Protein backbone atom coordinates (compact mmCIF):
# COMPACT_ATOMS: atom_id res chain seq x y z
CA UNK A 1 -39.80 33.64 32.38
CA UNK A 2 -42.89 31.61 33.26
CA UNK A 3 -44.04 31.51 36.87
CA UNK A 4 -44.73 28.22 38.62
CA UNK A 5 -47.03 27.13 41.45
CA UNK A 6 -45.38 27.07 44.87
CA UNK A 7 -44.80 24.01 47.05
CA UNK A 8 -43.80 24.91 50.61
CA UNK A 9 -41.67 22.68 52.83
CA UNK A 10 -42.38 22.30 56.54
CA UNK A 11 -40.14 24.07 59.07
CA UNK A 12 -36.83 22.25 59.68
CA UNK A 13 -37.54 19.84 56.82
CA UNK A 14 -35.72 21.85 54.16
CA UNK A 15 -32.17 20.72 54.95
CA UNK A 16 -32.07 17.84 52.38
CA UNK A 17 -32.91 20.30 49.60
CA UNK A 18 -30.40 22.81 50.94
CA UNK A 19 -27.90 19.96 50.61
CA UNK A 20 -29.08 19.38 47.00
CA UNK A 21 -30.74 16.03 47.61
CA UNK A 22 -33.32 15.46 44.88
CA UNK A 23 -36.14 13.71 46.75
CA UNK A 24 -39.07 15.55 48.36
CA UNK A 25 -41.10 13.27 50.62
CA UNK A 26 -44.83 13.80 51.07
CA UNK A 27 -44.53 14.20 54.84
CA UNK A 28 -42.12 17.14 54.35
CA UNK A 29 -44.71 19.21 52.44
CA UNK A 30 -46.47 22.02 54.28
CA UNK A 31 -48.68 23.44 51.52
CA UNK A 32 -49.41 23.29 47.80
CA UNK A 33 -50.87 26.29 46.02
CA UNK A 34 -52.59 25.38 42.76
CA UNK A 35 -50.21 22.50 42.06
CA UNK A 36 -51.16 20.03 39.31
CA UNK A 37 -49.69 16.55 39.57
CA UNK A 38 -46.96 15.95 36.99
CA UNK A 39 -46.16 19.63 36.66
CA UNK A 40 -43.10 21.72 37.58
CA UNK A 41 -43.27 23.70 40.82
CA UNK A 42 -41.14 26.22 42.64
CA UNK A 43 -40.16 24.88 46.05
CA UNK A 44 -39.73 27.22 49.01
CA UNK A 45 -39.14 26.74 52.72
CA UNK A 46 -41.41 28.00 55.49
CA UNK A 47 -39.50 31.32 55.49
CA UNK A 48 -40.41 31.72 51.79
CA UNK A 49 -36.79 31.22 50.65
CA UNK A 50 -36.23 29.64 47.23
CA UNK A 51 -34.96 26.04 47.41
CA UNK A 52 -35.35 24.53 43.94
CA UNK A 53 -37.65 23.69 41.07
CA UNK A 54 -39.12 20.21 41.05
CA UNK A 55 -41.55 17.96 39.23
CA UNK A 56 -44.38 16.69 41.41
CA UNK A 57 -46.49 13.57 41.68
CA UNK A 58 -49.01 14.08 44.46
CA UNK A 59 -49.93 10.37 44.47
CA UNK A 60 -46.39 9.13 45.18
CA UNK A 61 -44.58 8.87 48.53
CA UNK A 62 -41.65 10.74 46.96
CA UNK A 63 -43.95 13.48 45.73
CA UNK A 64 -41.27 15.78 44.31
CA UNK A 65 -38.02 15.45 42.36
CA UNK A 66 -35.73 18.47 42.26
CA UNK A 67 -34.63 19.23 38.69
CA UNK A 68 -32.86 22.56 39.31
CA UNK A 69 -31.34 24.27 42.34
CA UNK A 70 -30.77 27.47 40.36
CA UNK A 71 -33.08 30.44 40.09
CA UNK A 72 -34.21 31.10 36.54
CA UNK A 73 -35.90 28.99 33.87
CA UNK A 74 -35.92 25.39 35.20
CA UNK A 75 -36.07 23.88 31.71
CA UNK A 76 -32.98 25.81 30.64
CA UNK A 77 -31.24 24.59 33.80
CA UNK A 78 -32.35 21.01 33.07
CA UNK A 79 -31.02 21.33 29.53
CA UNK A 80 -27.64 22.43 30.92
CA UNK A 81 -27.61 19.37 33.19
CA UNK A 82 -28.28 17.11 30.19
CA UNK A 83 -25.49 18.81 28.24
CA UNK A 84 -23.05 18.38 31.15
CA UNK A 85 -23.89 14.66 31.28
CA UNK A 86 -23.33 14.29 27.54
CA UNK A 87 -20.06 16.25 27.66
CA UNK A 88 -18.77 14.07 30.52
CA UNK A 89 -19.22 10.92 28.42
CA UNK A 90 -17.43 12.52 25.51
CA UNK A 91 -14.41 12.89 27.81
CA UNK A 92 -14.18 9.13 28.38
CA UNK A 93 -15.74 7.40 25.37
CA UNK A 94 -13.92 8.81 22.38
CA UNK A 95 -12.41 5.69 20.82
CA UNK A 96 -14.11 2.94 18.82
CA UNK A 97 -13.25 0.18 21.32
CA UNK A 98 -16.34 0.97 23.44
CA UNK A 99 -19.49 2.06 21.63
CA UNK A 100 -22.10 1.43 24.35
CA UNK A 101 -22.37 3.49 27.52
CA UNK A 102 -24.81 5.25 29.83
CA UNK A 103 -25.31 8.78 28.60
CA UNK A 104 -27.51 10.05 31.45
CA UNK A 105 -27.65 8.36 34.86
CA UNK A 106 -30.70 9.92 36.55
CA UNK A 107 -29.80 11.43 39.95
CA UNK A 108 -26.16 10.51 39.31
CA UNK A 109 -26.20 13.34 36.76
CA UNK A 110 -28.65 15.49 38.80
CA UNK A 111 -31.52 14.55 36.44
CA UNK A 112 -33.99 12.42 38.44
CA UNK A 113 -36.30 10.23 36.41
CA UNK A 114 -34.22 10.18 33.23
CA UNK A 115 -31.90 7.37 32.08
CA UNK A 116 -30.40 7.30 28.59
CA UNK A 117 -28.08 4.64 27.19
CA UNK A 118 -26.20 4.97 23.91
CA UNK A 119 -25.63 1.98 21.63
CA UNK A 120 -23.54 3.09 18.66
CA UNK A 121 -25.58 6.00 17.28
CA UNK A 122 -28.92 4.90 18.80
CA UNK A 123 -30.21 6.23 22.12
CA UNK A 124 -32.39 4.19 24.48
CA UNK A 125 -34.52 6.35 26.74
CA UNK A 126 -36.05 5.39 30.10
CA UNK A 127 -38.48 7.72 31.91
CA UNK A 128 -39.18 6.63 35.50
CA UNK A 129 -41.15 9.57 36.97
CA UNK A 130 -44.40 11.28 36.07
CA UNK A 131 -42.60 14.60 35.74
CA UNK A 132 -40.20 13.26 33.11
CA UNK A 133 -43.08 11.46 31.40
CA UNK A 134 -44.77 14.84 30.89
CA UNK A 135 -41.53 16.22 29.43
CA UNK A 136 -41.02 13.36 26.95
CA UNK A 137 -41.26 15.39 23.75
CA UNK A 138 -39.08 18.16 25.15
CA UNK A 139 -36.43 15.62 26.27
CA UNK A 140 -36.43 13.89 22.88
CA UNK A 141 -35.90 17.27 21.22
CA UNK A 142 -32.98 18.13 23.51
CA UNK A 143 -31.33 14.74 22.92
CA UNK A 144 -31.77 15.15 19.19
CA UNK A 145 -30.16 18.60 19.34
CA UNK A 146 -27.21 17.61 21.53
CA UNK A 147 -26.46 14.11 20.24
CA UNK A 148 -27.89 13.82 16.69
CA UNK A 149 -28.77 10.11 17.07
CA UNK A 150 -30.03 8.15 14.10
CA UNK A 151 -32.95 6.95 16.24
CA UNK A 152 -34.30 7.04 19.79
CA UNK A 153 -36.01 4.05 21.40
CA UNK A 154 -38.01 4.32 24.61
CA UNK A 155 -37.86 1.50 27.12
CA UNK A 156 -39.75 2.86 30.11
CA UNK A 157 -40.46 -0.26 32.16
CA UNK A 158 -39.82 -1.49 35.68
CA UNK A 159 -40.92 -1.02 39.28
CA UNK A 160 -40.06 2.69 39.47
CA UNK A 161 -42.87 3.56 37.03
CA UNK A 162 -45.36 1.47 38.99
CA UNK A 163 -44.60 3.53 42.09
CA UNK A 164 -45.36 6.64 40.04
CA UNK A 165 -48.68 5.21 38.84
CA UNK A 166 -47.37 4.83 35.28
CA UNK A 167 -47.88 1.99 32.83
CA UNK A 168 -44.91 0.50 30.94
CA UNK A 169 -44.14 2.20 27.65
CA UNK A 170 -41.86 0.86 24.91
CA UNK A 171 -41.23 1.70 21.28
CA UNK A 172 -39.46 3.99 18.82
CA UNK A 173 -40.02 7.68 19.54
CA UNK A 174 -37.66 9.15 16.93
CA UNK A 175 -36.78 7.37 13.71
CA UNK A 176 -36.38 3.58 13.66
CA UNK A 177 -33.31 1.44 14.04
CA UNK A 178 -32.67 -2.30 13.66
CA UNK A 179 -34.11 -4.79 16.13
CA UNK A 180 -30.59 -5.89 17.09
CA UNK A 181 -27.37 -3.86 17.11
CA UNK A 182 -23.75 -5.00 17.44
CA UNK A 183 -21.76 -2.90 19.89
CA UNK A 184 -18.24 -3.00 21.27
CA UNK A 185 -17.09 -2.93 24.87
CA UNK A 186 -13.34 -2.79 25.44
CA UNK A 187 -12.86 -4.29 21.98
CA UNK A 188 -15.25 -7.23 22.47
CA UNK A 189 -18.47 -7.48 20.48
CA UNK A 190 -21.98 -7.96 21.89
CA UNK A 191 -25.44 -8.21 20.37
CA UNK A 192 -28.04 -5.91 21.91
CA UNK A 193 -31.77 -6.50 21.46
CA UNK A 194 -33.33 -3.09 21.92
CA UNK A 195 -36.81 -4.58 22.18
CA UNK A 196 -37.29 -6.91 25.15
CA UNK A 197 -34.39 -8.08 27.33
CA UNK A 198 -33.47 -6.96 30.81
CA UNK A 199 -32.89 -3.26 31.51
CA UNK A 200 -31.94 -1.59 28.21
CA UNK A 201 -29.64 -4.36 26.97
CA UNK A 202 -26.22 -5.24 28.33
CA UNK A 203 -25.63 -4.42 32.02
CA UNK A 204 -23.32 -1.49 31.31
CA UNK A 205 -22.64 -0.80 34.99
CA UNK A 206 -20.40 -3.90 35.20
CA UNK A 207 -18.07 -2.89 32.33
CA UNK A 208 -15.04 -2.25 34.55
CA UNK A 209 -15.55 -5.47 36.50
CA UNK A 210 -15.74 -7.48 33.28
CA UNK A 211 -12.40 -5.93 32.35
CA UNK A 212 -11.02 -6.90 35.77
CA UNK A 213 -12.04 -10.52 35.19
CA UNK A 214 -10.28 -10.49 31.83
CA UNK A 215 -7.08 -9.30 33.54
CA UNK A 216 -6.99 -12.20 36.01
CA UNK A 217 -8.59 -15.16 34.20
CA UNK A 218 -5.54 -16.60 32.37
CA UNK A 219 -5.14 -20.31 33.04
CA UNK A 220 -8.21 -20.53 35.27
CA UNK A 221 -11.44 -22.54 35.10
CA UNK A 222 -14.30 -20.10 35.56
CA UNK A 223 -17.83 -20.44 36.87
CA UNK A 224 -20.03 -17.49 35.89
CA UNK A 225 -23.13 -17.48 38.11
CA UNK A 226 -26.21 -15.47 37.03
CA UNK A 227 -24.36 -14.96 33.77
CA UNK A 228 -27.19 -13.41 31.70
CA UNK A 229 -25.67 -13.03 28.18
CA UNK A 230 -22.22 -14.22 29.25
CA UNK A 231 -20.32 -10.95 29.62
CA UNK A 232 -18.06 -12.23 32.39
CA UNK A 233 -17.58 -15.59 30.65
CA UNK A 234 -16.61 -13.89 27.41
CA UNK A 235 -14.06 -11.66 29.13
CA UNK A 236 -12.63 -14.59 31.07
CA UNK A 237 -12.11 -16.67 27.94
CA UNK A 238 -10.78 -13.67 26.00
CA UNK A 239 -8.32 -13.25 28.86
CA UNK A 240 -7.01 -16.79 28.60
CA UNK A 241 -9.27 -18.90 30.84
CA UNK A 242 -9.08 -22.60 29.96
CA UNK A 243 -12.87 -23.05 30.29
CA UNK A 244 -15.97 -21.23 31.50
CA UNK A 245 -19.35 -22.50 32.70
CA UNK A 246 -22.26 -20.05 32.61
CA UNK A 247 -25.30 -20.57 34.86
CA UNK A 248 -28.54 -18.62 34.43
CA UNK A 249 -32.25 -19.43 34.63
CA UNK A 250 -32.80 -17.61 31.31
CA UNK A 251 -32.16 -20.13 28.53
CA UNK A 252 -32.54 -17.46 25.86
CA UNK A 253 -29.81 -15.35 27.48
CA UNK A 254 -27.50 -18.38 27.49
CA UNK A 255 -28.08 -18.88 23.76
CA UNK A 256 -27.04 -15.27 23.26
CA UNK A 257 -23.92 -15.98 25.37
CA UNK A 258 -22.97 -18.71 22.90
CA UNK A 259 -23.42 -16.26 20.03
CA UNK A 260 -21.09 -13.83 21.77
CA UNK A 261 -18.39 -16.50 21.92
CA UNK A 262 -18.67 -17.17 18.19
CA UNK A 263 -18.66 -13.46 17.31
CA UNK A 264 -15.44 -12.93 19.27
CA UNK A 265 -13.54 -15.96 17.96
CA UNK A 266 -13.73 -18.05 21.14
CA UNK A 267 -13.11 -21.70 20.28
CA UNK A 268 -16.02 -24.12 20.40
CA UNK A 269 -16.27 -26.16 23.59
CA UNK A 270 -14.71 -23.60 25.93
CA UNK A 271 -18.11 -22.37 27.16
CA UNK A 272 -20.69 -24.70 28.71
CA UNK A 273 -24.09 -23.34 29.73
CA UNK A 274 -26.55 -24.47 32.41
CA UNK A 275 -30.10 -23.14 32.35
CA UNK A 276 -30.95 -23.59 36.02
CA UNK A 277 -31.19 -21.94 39.41
CA UNK A 278 -27.74 -20.96 40.69
CA UNK A 279 -28.43 -22.11 44.26
CA UNK A 280 -29.41 -25.58 43.03
CA UNK A 281 -26.34 -25.66 40.79
CA UNK A 282 -23.94 -24.84 43.63
CA UNK A 283 -25.51 -27.58 45.80
CA UNK A 284 -24.43 -30.24 43.29
CA UNK A 285 -22.02 -32.87 44.56
CA UNK A 286 -19.71 -32.87 42.74
CA UNK A 287 -19.76 -29.74 40.60
CA UNK A 288 -19.16 -30.23 36.85
CA UNK A 289 -15.60 -28.86 37.06
CA UNK A 290 -12.93 -27.98 39.61
CA UNK A 291 -13.33 -24.21 39.44
CA UNK A 292 -10.66 -21.79 40.62
CA UNK A 293 -12.45 -18.54 39.68
CA UNK A 294 -16.13 -18.01 40.51
CA UNK A 295 -18.18 -14.92 39.67
CA UNK A 296 -21.36 -14.17 41.62
CA UNK A 297 -23.45 -11.40 40.04
CA UNK A 298 -27.02 -12.13 41.17
CA UNK A 299 -30.08 -9.91 40.68
CA UNK A 300 -31.09 -7.65 43.56
CA UNK A 301 -32.20 -9.82 46.46
CA UNK A 302 -33.44 -6.74 48.39
CA UNK A 303 -35.57 -4.32 46.39
CA UNK A 304 -37.15 -2.84 49.52
CA UNK A 305 -36.23 -2.65 53.20
CA UNK A 306 -38.67 -5.44 54.10
CA UNK A 307 -36.62 -7.82 51.91
CA UNK A 308 -33.40 -7.22 53.82
CA UNK A 309 -33.36 -10.21 56.20
CA UNK A 310 -34.16 -12.65 53.41
CA UNK A 311 -31.56 -10.99 51.18
CA UNK A 312 -28.83 -11.30 53.82
CA UNK A 313 -29.50 -15.01 54.09
CA UNK A 314 -29.45 -15.46 50.31
CA UNK A 315 -26.19 -13.53 49.84
CA UNK A 316 -24.59 -15.44 52.73
CA UNK A 317 -25.63 -18.84 51.37
CA UNK A 318 -24.49 -18.01 47.85
CA UNK A 319 -21.05 -16.81 48.97
CA UNK A 320 -20.60 -19.67 51.45
CA UNK A 321 -21.29 -22.30 48.79
CA UNK A 322 -18.91 -20.60 46.35
CA UNK A 323 -16.13 -20.44 48.95
CA UNK A 324 -16.64 -24.09 49.87
CA UNK A 325 -16.32 -25.08 46.22
CA UNK A 326 -13.01 -23.30 45.61
CA UNK A 327 -9.56 -24.79 46.28
CA UNK A 328 -6.85 -22.69 47.98
CA UNK A 329 -5.37 -20.05 45.69
CA UNK A 330 -8.70 -19.32 43.96
CA UNK A 331 -10.45 -16.07 43.07
CA UNK A 332 -14.03 -15.13 43.91
CA UNK A 333 -15.68 -12.03 42.47
CA UNK A 334 -18.85 -11.36 44.43
CA UNK A 335 -21.30 -8.56 43.63
CA UNK A 336 -24.52 -7.04 44.92
CA UNK A 337 -26.78 -4.56 43.12
CA UNK A 338 -29.19 -4.21 46.09
CA UNK A 339 -29.18 -0.61 47.32
CA UNK A 340 -30.58 -1.79 50.67
CA UNK A 341 -27.33 -3.76 51.17
CA UNK A 342 -24.68 -1.07 51.56
CA UNK A 343 -20.91 -1.60 51.33
CA UNK A 344 -20.26 -2.24 55.07
CA UNK A 345 -23.20 -4.65 55.29
CA UNK A 346 -22.11 -6.49 52.15
CA UNK A 347 -18.61 -6.95 53.56
CA UNK A 348 -20.15 -8.22 56.82
CA UNK A 349 -22.24 -10.73 54.86
CA UNK A 350 -19.12 -11.96 53.05
CA UNK A 351 -17.35 -12.21 56.44
CA UNK A 352 -20.11 -14.46 57.80
CA UNK A 353 -19.99 -16.58 54.64
CA UNK A 354 -16.22 -17.02 55.08
CA UNK A 355 -16.64 -18.05 58.72
CA UNK A 356 -19.34 -20.56 57.83
CA UNK A 357 -17.16 -21.95 55.04
CA UNK A 358 -14.15 -21.98 57.40
CA UNK A 359 -11.95 -20.26 54.81
CA UNK A 360 -9.32 -17.55 55.08
CA UNK A 361 -10.23 -14.76 52.68
CA UNK A 362 -8.49 -11.56 51.57
CA UNK A 363 -9.93 -8.60 49.67
CA UNK A 364 -7.82 -7.87 46.59
CA UNK A 365 -9.99 -5.28 44.84
CA UNK A 366 -13.17 -3.35 45.48
CA UNK A 367 -15.68 -2.29 42.87
CA UNK A 368 -14.36 -0.30 39.93
CA UNK A 369 -16.91 2.44 39.27
CA UNK A 370 -17.71 2.85 35.58
CA UNK A 371 -17.25 6.47 34.46
CA UNK A 372 -20.65 6.50 32.78
CA UNK A 373 -22.38 5.64 36.09
CA UNK A 374 -21.28 8.59 38.24
CA UNK A 375 -22.43 8.89 41.85
CA UNK A 376 -23.92 12.23 42.83
CA UNK A 377 -22.26 13.27 46.09
CA UNK A 378 -25.50 14.97 47.13
CA UNK A 379 -27.67 11.94 46.31
CA UNK A 380 -25.70 8.84 47.38
CA UNK A 381 -28.62 6.45 46.83
CA UNK A 382 -27.43 6.01 43.24
CA UNK A 383 -24.38 4.14 44.61
CA UNK A 384 -26.12 0.76 44.53
CA UNK A 385 -23.51 -1.56 42.97
CA UNK A 386 -20.68 -3.06 44.98
CA UNK A 387 -18.18 -5.83 44.29
CA UNK A 388 -15.29 -7.55 46.02
CA UNK A 389 -12.56 -9.53 44.32
CA UNK A 390 -11.47 -12.08 46.93
CA UNK A 391 -8.49 -14.40 47.34
CA UNK A 392 -9.60 -17.70 48.84
CA UNK A 393 -7.00 -19.58 50.87
């Protein structure tokens, strides 16, 4: 087995790694012996005890990412982690009713820096750390061996790469597929543009919440705020909603939402779209319809801790306006994908919104975690998404 340079952790700073947390912060490092940035290192504590193998980026604040807590060949261990992630999805996504899911969820599957989504038989790869960037060809080979995809597309974009000093990278890395694919989610069809678009296509992490909306939408008039390509609207109408209005600043996404209605046999006229800011929309007097089911699924208002105060105000205002707009006996599904806003804080924000709106509110359902977005018990930061289904009295 190859030997690796040694990174030593300061005294009393090794406990996160002993608890299998994947991040190594620069201020926890005591010494580096012949370490090249982007490479794999063996990590030891100040007593020279083995802790893990990690990839390193000496220019980043999180300068190491643990990829194996086992002694032995770290690449073989990493390959076993990839195989475990793939096998887990095969447990839950066997039927043809859902053909799009997250195959590898970074730290959620103990593989920091690697995200892979599957759309039918095409894989979409996202590399967010320098260490995984250096392993690109090896990763593609492992995915090809374990999954036999017809093609692999890389969509390595976003803020995480900037923090690692990496430029965006996008394009086919294995074979070539169509520009647009048609996938199924719980029996409903969606069009996915592999090139361009937000994230790697549809927001797969909200699959279970879209299904929840479908369960409870019958007979209701729905307002889908920050709708993107209309996933919640489609599920509401498929579930028997009498009408749905979709609001999003992205006019192109709203056009795709209309296509999704046609593809799934939703009658013309049931969906109305509004390409505008959701805050301005909710300030309208009166609103276009008397809604009795509102969905709030905004983008992350807090991407860093310094954004938190502004984010709390934005979430409070958004929820207050929605509650004020709803008659008694209505439903409100409110979501946050900001990691900086944890579950207790989000519930506190919703509490303040309810007080400001002077409404009695009950929690009917909390977020349904999608099986393809597992949360690593040792790395809870991956638990970013939270939702509350509320009864408004």
